[in-house]
Protein backbone atom coordinates (compact mmCIF):
# COMPACT_ATOMS: atom_id res chain seq x y z
CA MET A 1 0.20 21.27 26.82
CA ILE A 2 2.26 19.25 24.33
CA LYS A 3 4.08 21.11 21.59
CA ILE A 4 4.79 19.49 18.24
CA ALA A 5 6.47 20.34 14.93
CA VAL A 6 5.23 19.51 11.44
CA LEU A 7 7.84 18.80 8.75
CA GLY A 8 6.36 19.66 5.37
CA TYR A 9 3.37 21.94 4.91
CA GLY A 10 1.97 20.41 1.76
CA ASN A 11 -1.22 18.45 1.33
CA ILE A 12 -0.88 16.12 4.33
CA GLY A 13 1.03 18.49 6.61
CA SER A 14 -1.57 21.22 6.23
CA GLY A 15 -4.22 18.54 6.74
CA VAL A 16 -2.67 17.63 10.10
CA VAL A 17 -2.88 21.26 11.20
CA GLU A 18 -6.48 21.42 9.99
CA VAL A 19 -7.51 18.26 11.86
CA LEU A 20 -5.88 19.52 15.07
CA LYS A 21 -7.77 22.83 14.79
CA ARG A 22 -11.11 21.44 13.60
CA ASN A 23 -11.27 18.71 16.25
CA LYS A 24 -9.34 20.53 18.97
CA ASP A 25 -11.69 19.67 21.84
CA HIS A 26 -11.99 16.03 20.80
CA VAL A 27 -8.22 15.66 20.31
CA THR A 28 -7.52 17.29 23.69
CA LYS A 29 -9.95 14.93 25.39
CA ARG A 30 -8.43 11.88 23.73
CA ALA A 31 -4.84 12.91 24.35
CA GLY A 32 -5.42 14.09 27.91
CA GLN A 33 -3.89 17.48 27.23
CA GLU A 34 -3.88 20.16 24.54
CA ILE A 35 -1.64 19.72 21.47
CA GLU A 36 -0.12 22.85 19.91
CA VAL A 37 1.87 23.16 16.69
CA LYS A 38 4.95 25.25 17.57
CA TYR A 39 6.87 24.92 14.29
CA VAL A 40 6.15 24.19 10.63
CA LEU A 41 9.20 23.30 8.57
CA ASP A 42 9.07 24.08 4.85
CA LEU A 43 11.23 25.65 2.18
CA ARG A 44 8.42 28.04 1.32
CA ASP A 45 6.83 30.94 3.14
CA PHE A 46 3.07 31.12 3.53
CA PRO A 47 2.07 34.80 3.73
CA GLY A 48 -1.45 35.21 5.05
CA ASP A 49 -1.65 31.63 6.30
CA PRO A 50 -2.65 31.14 9.97
CA MET A 51 0.63 29.25 10.47
CA GLU A 52 2.75 31.98 8.84
CA ASP A 53 4.57 32.96 12.03
CA LYS A 54 5.41 29.36 12.89
CA VAL A 55 7.26 28.57 9.64
CA VAL A 56 10.99 27.78 9.84
CA HIS A 57 13.35 26.78 7.05
CA SER A 58 15.82 24.70 9.07
CA ILE A 59 15.43 21.59 11.19
CA GLU A 60 17.81 22.94 13.84
CA PRO A 61 15.32 25.06 15.87
CA ILE A 62 13.05 22.01 16.12
CA ILE A 63 15.77 19.57 17.13
CA ASN A 64 17.22 21.97 19.69
CA ASP A 65 13.93 22.98 21.30
CA PRO A 66 13.25 20.87 24.43
CA GLU A 67 9.59 21.97 24.40
CA VAL A 68 8.95 20.01 21.20
CA LYS A 69 8.10 16.46 22.23
CA ILE A 70 6.67 15.12 18.97
CA VAL A 71 7.62 15.61 15.33
CA VAL A 72 5.21 14.93 12.46
CA GLU A 73 6.93 14.07 9.16
CA THR A 74 4.86 14.55 6.00
CA MET A 75 7.59 15.55 3.56
CA GLY A 76 7.66 12.34 1.53
CA GLY A 77 10.68 10.63 0.01
CA THR A 78 13.74 9.62 1.98
CA THR A 79 15.96 12.69 1.51
CA PRO A 80 16.07 14.67 3.75
CA ALA A 81 13.20 12.94 5.62
CA TYR A 82 15.38 10.10 6.93
CA GLU A 83 18.06 12.48 8.20
CA TYR A 84 15.48 14.70 9.93
CA VAL A 85 13.50 11.84 11.49
CA LYS A 86 16.64 10.16 12.75
CA ALA A 87 17.84 13.43 14.29
CA ALA A 88 14.49 13.92 16.00
CA LEU A 89 14.53 10.43 17.49
CA GLU A 90 18.12 10.84 18.65
CA ALA A 91 17.04 14.08 20.34
CA GLY A 92 14.37 12.19 22.29
CA LYS A 93 11.35 13.31 20.26
CA SER A 94 8.70 10.84 19.12
CA VAL A 95 7.84 10.82 15.41
CA SER A 96 4.62 10.22 13.51
CA THR A 97 4.92 9.84 9.73
CA SER A 98 2.81 9.20 6.65
CA ASN A 99 5.88 8.48 4.53
CA LYS A 100 5.68 4.96 3.05
CA GLU A 101 9.06 5.23 1.30
CA LEU A 102 10.77 6.14 4.57
CA VAL A 103 9.03 3.38 6.53
CA ALA A 104 9.59 0.67 3.92
CA LYS A 105 13.32 1.39 3.70
CA TYR A 106 14.23 2.45 7.24
CA GLY A 107 11.30 1.31 9.44
CA ALA A 108 13.17 -1.35 11.41
CA GLU A 109 16.14 0.93 12.06
CA LEU A 110 13.98 3.85 13.21
CA LEU A 111 11.86 1.61 15.44
CA GLU A 112 15.03 0.32 17.09
CA LEU A 113 16.26 3.88 17.66
CA ALA A 114 12.91 4.88 19.16
CA LYS A 115 12.97 1.89 21.49
CA LYS A 116 16.53 2.70 22.57
CA ASN A 117 15.42 6.22 23.54
CA ASN A 118 12.14 5.09 25.14
CA ILE A 119 10.07 7.10 22.70
CA ASN A 120 7.95 6.17 19.66
CA PHE A 121 8.06 5.99 15.89
CA LEU A 122 4.53 5.48 14.55
CA PHE A 123 3.39 5.26 10.94
CA GLU A 124 -0.29 4.34 10.71
CA ALA A 125 -0.81 6.69 7.75
CA SER A 126 1.96 5.11 5.65
CA VAL A 127 -0.36 2.32 4.45
CA GLY A 128 -4.01 2.73 3.55
CA GLY A 129 -4.32 6.46 4.29
CA GLY A 130 -7.11 6.75 6.84
CA ILE A 131 -7.68 2.98 7.15
CA PRO A 132 -6.52 1.68 10.55
CA ILE A 133 -4.33 -1.31 9.69
CA ILE A 134 -0.91 -0.84 11.35
CA ARG A 135 -2.34 -0.58 14.87
CA PRO A 136 -4.63 -3.63 14.51
CA LEU A 137 -1.72 -5.71 13.21
CA ASN A 138 0.45 -4.59 16.11
CA GLN A 139 -2.13 -4.71 18.90
CA SER A 140 -5.34 -6.52 17.97
CA VAL A 141 -4.30 -9.76 16.27
CA THR A 142 -1.14 -10.52 18.19
CA SER A 143 -2.44 -13.91 19.37
CA ASP A 144 -2.92 -15.04 15.76
CA GLU A 145 -0.37 -16.31 13.32
CA ILE A 146 -0.99 -14.24 10.21
CA TYR A 147 -0.56 -16.31 7.08
CA GLU A 148 -1.77 -13.85 4.44
CA ILE A 149 -2.18 -10.15 3.82
CA THR A 150 -3.69 -9.11 0.50
CA GLY A 151 -4.68 -5.59 -0.36
CA ILE A 152 -5.86 -3.10 -2.93
CA LEU A 153 -3.33 -0.58 -1.74
CA ASN A 154 -3.32 2.12 -4.40
CA GLY A 155 -6.36 4.27 -5.07
CA THR A 156 -5.13 5.63 -8.41
CA THR A 157 -4.83 2.24 -10.07
CA ASN A 158 -8.03 1.01 -8.48
CA TYR A 159 -9.87 4.02 -9.89
CA MET A 160 -8.39 3.37 -13.33
CA LEU A 161 -9.26 -0.34 -13.37
CA THR A 162 -12.79 0.40 -12.13
CA LYS A 163 -13.32 2.90 -14.97
CA MET A 164 -11.88 0.47 -17.52
CA GLU A 165 -14.28 -2.23 -16.31
CA GLN A 166 -17.43 -0.17 -15.91
CA GLN A 167 -17.08 2.25 -18.83
CA ALA A 168 -15.00 0.19 -21.30
CA MET A 169 -12.29 2.87 -21.36
CA SER A 170 -8.78 2.25 -22.67
CA PHE A 171 -5.77 2.48 -20.36
CA ASP A 172 -4.52 5.70 -21.98
CA ALA A 173 -7.94 7.38 -21.82
CA VAL A 174 -8.52 6.52 -18.18
CA LEU A 175 -5.01 7.59 -17.18
CA LYS A 176 -5.62 10.98 -18.77
CA GLU A 177 -8.91 11.31 -16.89
CA ALA A 178 -7.26 10.28 -13.59
CA GLN A 179 -4.60 12.96 -14.11
CA GLU A 180 -7.22 15.60 -14.90
CA LYS A 181 -9.08 14.75 -11.68
CA GLY A 182 -5.90 14.85 -9.61
CA TYR A 183 -5.91 11.13 -8.81
CA ALA A 184 -2.78 10.42 -10.87
CA GLU A 185 0.45 12.40 -10.96
CA ARG A 186 1.87 13.95 -14.10
CA HIS A 187 4.52 11.23 -13.91
CA PRO A 188 2.39 8.29 -12.73
CA GLU A 189 4.99 5.51 -12.75
CA ALA A 190 4.98 4.98 -8.98
CA ASP A 191 1.28 4.14 -9.16
CA VAL A 192 0.77 2.42 -12.52
CA GLU A 193 3.98 0.36 -12.36
CA GLY A 194 3.05 -0.91 -8.88
CA TYR A 195 5.92 0.65 -6.91
CA ASP A 196 3.62 2.41 -4.42
CA ALA A 197 1.73 -0.80 -3.67
CA CYS A 198 5.04 -2.67 -3.40
CA ARG A 199 6.32 -0.43 -0.59
CA LYS A 200 3.04 -0.77 1.26
CA ILE A 201 2.92 -4.57 1.10
CA ALA A 202 6.57 -4.61 2.22
CA ILE A 203 5.60 -2.63 5.35
CA LEU A 204 2.61 -4.87 6.09
CA SER A 205 4.69 -8.01 5.52
CA SER A 206 7.43 -6.78 7.85
CA LEU A 207 4.85 -6.20 10.58
CA ALA A 208 2.97 -9.45 10.00
CA PHE A 209 6.07 -11.64 10.00
CA GLY A 210 8.26 -9.61 12.36
CA CYS A 211 11.35 -9.24 10.15
CA GLN A 212 12.52 -6.80 7.49
CA VAL A 213 10.96 -7.46 4.08
CA ASP A 214 12.86 -5.47 1.47
CA PHE A 215 10.60 -4.02 -1.21
CA ASN A 216 13.34 -4.61 -3.80
CA ASP A 217 12.87 -8.36 -3.27
CA ILE A 218 9.16 -8.30 -4.10
CA TYR A 219 8.11 -9.21 -7.63
CA THR A 220 6.23 -6.17 -8.91
CA GLU A 221 4.09 -5.81 -12.02
CA GLY A 222 1.87 -2.82 -12.70
CA ILE A 223 -1.28 -2.31 -14.75
CA THR A 224 0.22 -0.77 -17.90
CA LYS A 225 -0.36 -3.94 -19.95
CA ILE A 226 -4.02 -4.33 -18.97
CA SER A 227 -6.24 -3.57 -21.95
CA ASP A 228 -9.92 -3.02 -22.60
CA THR A 229 -9.84 -6.44 -24.32
CA ASP A 230 -8.71 -8.04 -21.04
CA MET A 231 -11.64 -6.34 -19.35
CA GLU A 232 -14.05 -7.83 -21.89
CA TYR A 233 -12.80 -11.33 -21.17
CA ALA A 234 -12.94 -10.77 -17.41
CA LYS A 235 -16.52 -9.52 -17.64
CA LYS A 236 -17.57 -12.55 -19.69
CA LEU A 237 -16.04 -14.87 -17.08
CA ASN A 238 -17.70 -12.86 -14.25
CA TYR A 239 -14.38 -11.58 -12.90
CA SER A 240 -12.97 -8.16 -12.13
CA ILE A 241 -9.35 -7.10 -12.57
CA LYS A 242 -7.63 -5.50 -9.58
CA LEU A 243 -4.06 -4.64 -8.60
CA PHE A 244 -3.21 -6.74 -5.55
CA GLY A 245 -0.28 -6.57 -3.17
CA THR A 246 -0.06 -9.99 -1.56
CA SER A 247 2.12 -11.61 1.06
CA ARG A 248 1.39 -15.23 1.89
CA LYS A 249 3.09 -17.84 4.09
CA VAL A 250 3.07 -21.33 2.57
CA ASP A 251 4.89 -24.27 4.19
CA GLY A 252 7.03 -21.93 6.28
CA LYS A 253 8.06 -19.68 3.40
CA VAL A 254 6.73 -16.20 2.67
CA TYR A 255 5.94 -15.31 -0.94
CA ALA A 256 5.21 -11.69 -1.81
CA MET A 257 4.18 -10.00 -5.01
CA VAL A 258 2.34 -7.08 -6.60
CA SER A 259 0.43 -7.73 -9.83
CA PRO A 260 -2.91 -7.40 -11.57
CA VAL A 261 -5.21 -10.31 -10.79
CA MET A 262 -8.59 -11.53 -11.95
CA VAL A 263 -10.92 -11.60 -8.95
CA GLY A 264 -14.07 -13.67 -8.63
CA LYS A 265 -17.21 -11.93 -7.41
CA ASP A 266 -17.11 -14.00 -4.19
CA HIS A 267 -13.68 -12.64 -3.20
CA PRO A 268 -13.84 -10.20 -0.24
CA LEU A 269 -12.00 -7.51 -2.24
CA SER A 270 -14.00 -7.81 -5.46
CA ASN A 271 -16.30 -4.87 -4.65
CA VAL A 272 -13.59 -2.43 -3.58
CA ASN A 273 -13.92 0.13 -6.37
CA ASP A 274 -12.88 3.61 -7.48
CA VAL A 275 -10.28 5.31 -5.26
CA MET A 276 -11.06 3.17 -2.22
CA ASN A 277 -8.61 0.71 -0.66
CA GLY A 278 -9.28 -2.66 0.96
CA ILE A 279 -6.98 -4.93 2.95
CA LEU A 280 -7.69 -8.58 3.76
CA VAL A 281 -5.86 -10.16 6.70
CA ARG A 282 -6.07 -13.91 7.25
CA GLY A 283 -5.08 -15.50 10.56
CA ASP A 284 -5.05 -19.07 11.77
CA VAL A 285 -7.49 -18.40 14.63
CA ILE A 286 -9.43 -15.25 13.82
CA GLY A 287 -10.02 -16.12 10.15
CA ASP A 288 -10.61 -13.33 7.65
CA LEU A 289 -10.55 -9.64 8.61
CA MET A 290 -11.39 -6.87 6.15
CA PHE A 291 -10.25 -3.24 6.39
CA TYR A 292 -11.90 -0.81 3.97
CA GLY A 293 -11.81 2.92 3.46
CA ALA A 294 -10.18 5.93 1.86
CA GLY A 295 -6.62 4.90 1.09
CA ALA A 296 -5.42 8.43 0.42
CA GLY A 297 -6.58 12.03 0.53
CA LYS A 298 -5.64 14.99 2.65
CA LEU A 299 -7.94 14.63 5.65
CA PRO A 300 -8.23 10.82 5.90
CA THR A 301 -4.43 10.52 5.89
CA ALA A 302 -4.02 13.48 8.24
CA SER A 303 -6.54 11.88 10.61
CA ALA A 304 -4.37 8.77 10.84
CA VAL A 305 -1.27 10.89 11.51
CA VAL A 306 -3.06 12.77 14.31
CA ALA A 307 -4.22 9.46 15.81
CA ASP A 308 -0.54 8.49 16.08
CA VAL A 309 0.28 11.84 17.69
CA ILE A 310 -2.45 11.26 20.29
CA ASP A 311 -1.02 7.81 20.99
CA GLU A 312 2.44 9.33 21.44
CA VAL A 313 1.12 11.96 23.83
CA LYS A 314 -0.48 9.22 25.89
CA HIS A 315 2.80 7.27 25.89
CA LEU A 316 5.37 9.96 26.62
CA ASP A 317 8.57 8.29 27.87
CA THR A 318 7.03 4.88 27.17
CA ASN A 319 7.89 2.89 24.07
CA ILE A 320 5.03 1.11 22.30
CA THR A 321 6.42 -2.26 21.29
CA ILE A 322 6.27 -2.98 17.56
CA GLN A 323 7.64 -6.33 16.42
CA TRP A 324 9.77 -5.53 13.39
CA SER A 325 13.32 -6.83 13.51
CA LYS A 326 16.18 -5.53 11.35
CA ASN A 327 16.91 -9.17 10.49
CA LYS A 328 16.05 -9.67 6.84
CA LEU A 329 13.31 -12.10 5.91
CA GLU A 330 14.41 -14.08 2.88
CA LEU A 331 11.36 -14.45 0.70
CA GLY A 332 10.52 -17.70 -1.03
CA ASP A 333 11.44 -17.87 -4.71
CA PHE A 334 8.63 -16.16 -6.57
CA LYS A 335 8.85 -18.72 -9.38
CA ASP A 336 7.94 -21.51 -6.95
CA SER A 337 4.62 -19.90 -5.95
CA LYS A 338 1.55 -21.59 -7.43
CA LYS A 339 -1.59 -20.12 -8.90
CA GLN A 340 -3.94 -20.25 -11.86
CA PHE A 341 -3.68 -18.01 -14.89
CA PHE A 342 -6.06 -16.53 -17.42
CA VAL A 343 -4.42 -16.74 -20.84
CA ARG A 344 -5.24 -15.13 -24.18
CA VAL A 345 -3.90 -16.97 -27.20
CA SER A 346 -4.11 -16.33 -30.92
CA GLY A 347 -5.77 -18.73 -33.35
CA ASP A 348 -9.07 -20.46 -33.93
CA ILE A 349 -10.69 -21.87 -30.80
CA GLU A 350 -11.67 -25.18 -32.40
CA ASN A 351 -8.26 -25.80 -33.96
CA ARG A 352 -6.28 -25.06 -30.78
CA ARG A 353 -8.63 -26.22 -28.01
CA LYS A 354 -7.03 -29.67 -27.52
CA GLU A 355 -3.52 -28.19 -27.64
CA MET A 356 -4.38 -25.80 -24.81
CA GLU A 357 -6.12 -28.52 -22.80
CA ASP A 358 -3.12 -30.81 -23.09
CA LEU A 359 -0.54 -28.11 -22.35
CA PHE A 360 -2.27 -26.02 -19.67
CA GLY A 361 -5.25 -28.10 -18.58
CA ALA A 362 -7.30 -25.31 -20.14
CA TYR A 363 -10.92 -24.91 -19.08
CA ASN A 364 -13.52 -22.11 -19.16
CA ILE A 365 -12.45 -21.59 -22.75
CA VAL A 366 -14.10 -18.41 -23.96
CA THR A 367 -14.21 -16.00 -26.86
CA ILE A 368 -15.44 -12.41 -27.08
CA GLY A 369 -16.36 -12.55 -30.74
CA LYS A 370 -12.88 -12.26 -32.21
CA ASP A 371 -12.02 -14.87 -34.84
CA ASP A 372 -8.28 -14.66 -34.25
CA GLU A 373 -8.01 -15.30 -30.50
CA PHE A 374 -9.64 -16.84 -27.44
CA GLY A 375 -9.02 -17.12 -23.72
CA PHE A 376 -8.98 -19.81 -21.04
CA ILE A 377 -8.07 -20.54 -17.42
CA THR A 378 -5.19 -22.89 -16.61
CA ASN A 379 -4.78 -25.54 -13.95
CA CYS A 380 -2.83 -24.50 -10.84
CA LEU A 381 0.80 -24.08 -11.89
CA SER A 382 3.96 -22.63 -10.43
CA GLU A 383 5.22 -19.44 -12.03
CA LYS A 384 8.16 -21.43 -13.38
CA GLU A 385 5.94 -24.15 -14.85
CA PHE A 386 3.69 -21.60 -16.52
CA GLU A 387 6.65 -19.72 -17.98
CA GLU A 388 8.11 -22.93 -19.43
CA LYS A 389 4.79 -23.94 -20.99
CA ALA A 390 4.15 -20.44 -22.33
CA ASN A 391 7.59 -20.35 -23.95
CA SER A 392 6.79 -23.58 -25.78
CA CYS A 393 3.43 -22.27 -27.00
CA VAL A 394 2.99 -20.14 -30.10
CA GLY A 395 0.72 -17.11 -29.95
CA ILE A 396 0.39 -16.26 -26.24
CA GLN A 397 -1.05 -12.74 -26.22
CA SER A 398 -1.18 -12.07 -22.49
CA ARG A 399 -1.70 -13.67 -19.11
CA ILE A 400 -3.27 -12.47 -15.87
CA ARG A 401 -3.04 -14.33 -12.59
CA LEU A 402 -6.18 -15.41 -10.75
CA ALA A 403 -6.64 -14.34 -7.15
CA LYS A 404 -6.95 -17.12 -4.59
C-alpha cells in the first residue's frame, strides 16, 4: 500500500479523494497496489466529512512521515505551495500538482530537484484540466520537432465568447451570467485579461522547446475589448472569435502570445465551444494533433491528478525524464511576428475604400449596416508594420488578429 497526502481540500483536492474512492479497484489495478490518503492539509476543519480524522493544519507531519511517498498539491497560487512542494521533494516524496501558477514559475527548478532525488514532479492537470497534453508532449511526440502549439486554454472566456457569438450578448451581460453559473470568479481578471491562458501556454512552450519560457515575456491581451459589434462582423465574414494562446517557431525563433483571434470555420479549433478546451500541436513529421475535452472542473482535473499519482506509484525511486531546462528561452520580438488583421474603421465605405486598400491592402471590405463605419482584412503584416500604419490612419476603431 502507498500512502499519500493531499495539500488543500477545496474543489480539486476533494475531487482527488473522491476519484480515489469511486475508482478504487481500477486505480489499484493500474497502480499495482492500493493508494491510501493518510493526511489532508487544510486551514479548515471538516466536521462530519469522511476525511475529518485525517486533517492536519501543518505541513510538518507530512514532511516528517516516511510512510508518505507522494504528495498531491491542489492549493493554488505560489505561497505557500512552492515552499511546501519544495520541502516535499527535498524529503524524497514525489509530487503531483494541478497548480499552473506554481508550474509556470518554478517548473524547471522543481523538475531539477525531483531528478536530483530520483523522484518525480508531475503536473498533467496544470494545463487543460482533464485533457491529456503534458504526457503526450513528453512521451508520445518526442521524435518530432514541434513548431507550433495553439490552444483554447481557458473555459471561462471560451464560454463567454461562445455566448456572445451565438446569442448576441454583450460582454458585460455574458460576464454576469458566467459569474452566476460559477464559470467566472467574482474577480475575473485572471481569465478575462488572459493571464490564466498565458501561464498555460508558457508551460506548454517550455515543454515543447525544452527551455524555460517566462510567462512575463509573453504578450498577453484578454477579451475585455471584444464587443457584440465585433461578433456581428465576424459572423458576416464567416469567422468566430476565440481567445488563443499560441507559441510558434519561425526561422529558429519562438514567438508566443495570448490574444483574441478571428478563426475561420476550417480551423481545427473553430468548433471548440462553451467551457471546453482544445489544443492543437503541430510537428514536422506527425503533422497536426488535436486534444479536446473539459479544460477545468472538479472531477476532470482530479482525474488528471490521480493519473499522475498512479504514474508516480509505478515509478517509485525512478525519475521520469521531462525535458525542461532552467535555461531561459529568449522569445522572438513580438513586434516582428507577422499576421493578418481584421480592422474596423470609421467613415463612409465608398469614400475611404481606396485609402484602406493603399494603406493596408484591404480586402473583404464589409459593413453591417452602420453608415459611420466598416471593416476589412489586411494583407499579412508584422505587428510593428500594422502599428505604424494604424497610427497614421484616422478613425481606427479596433483590430483583431486572424488565426493562421
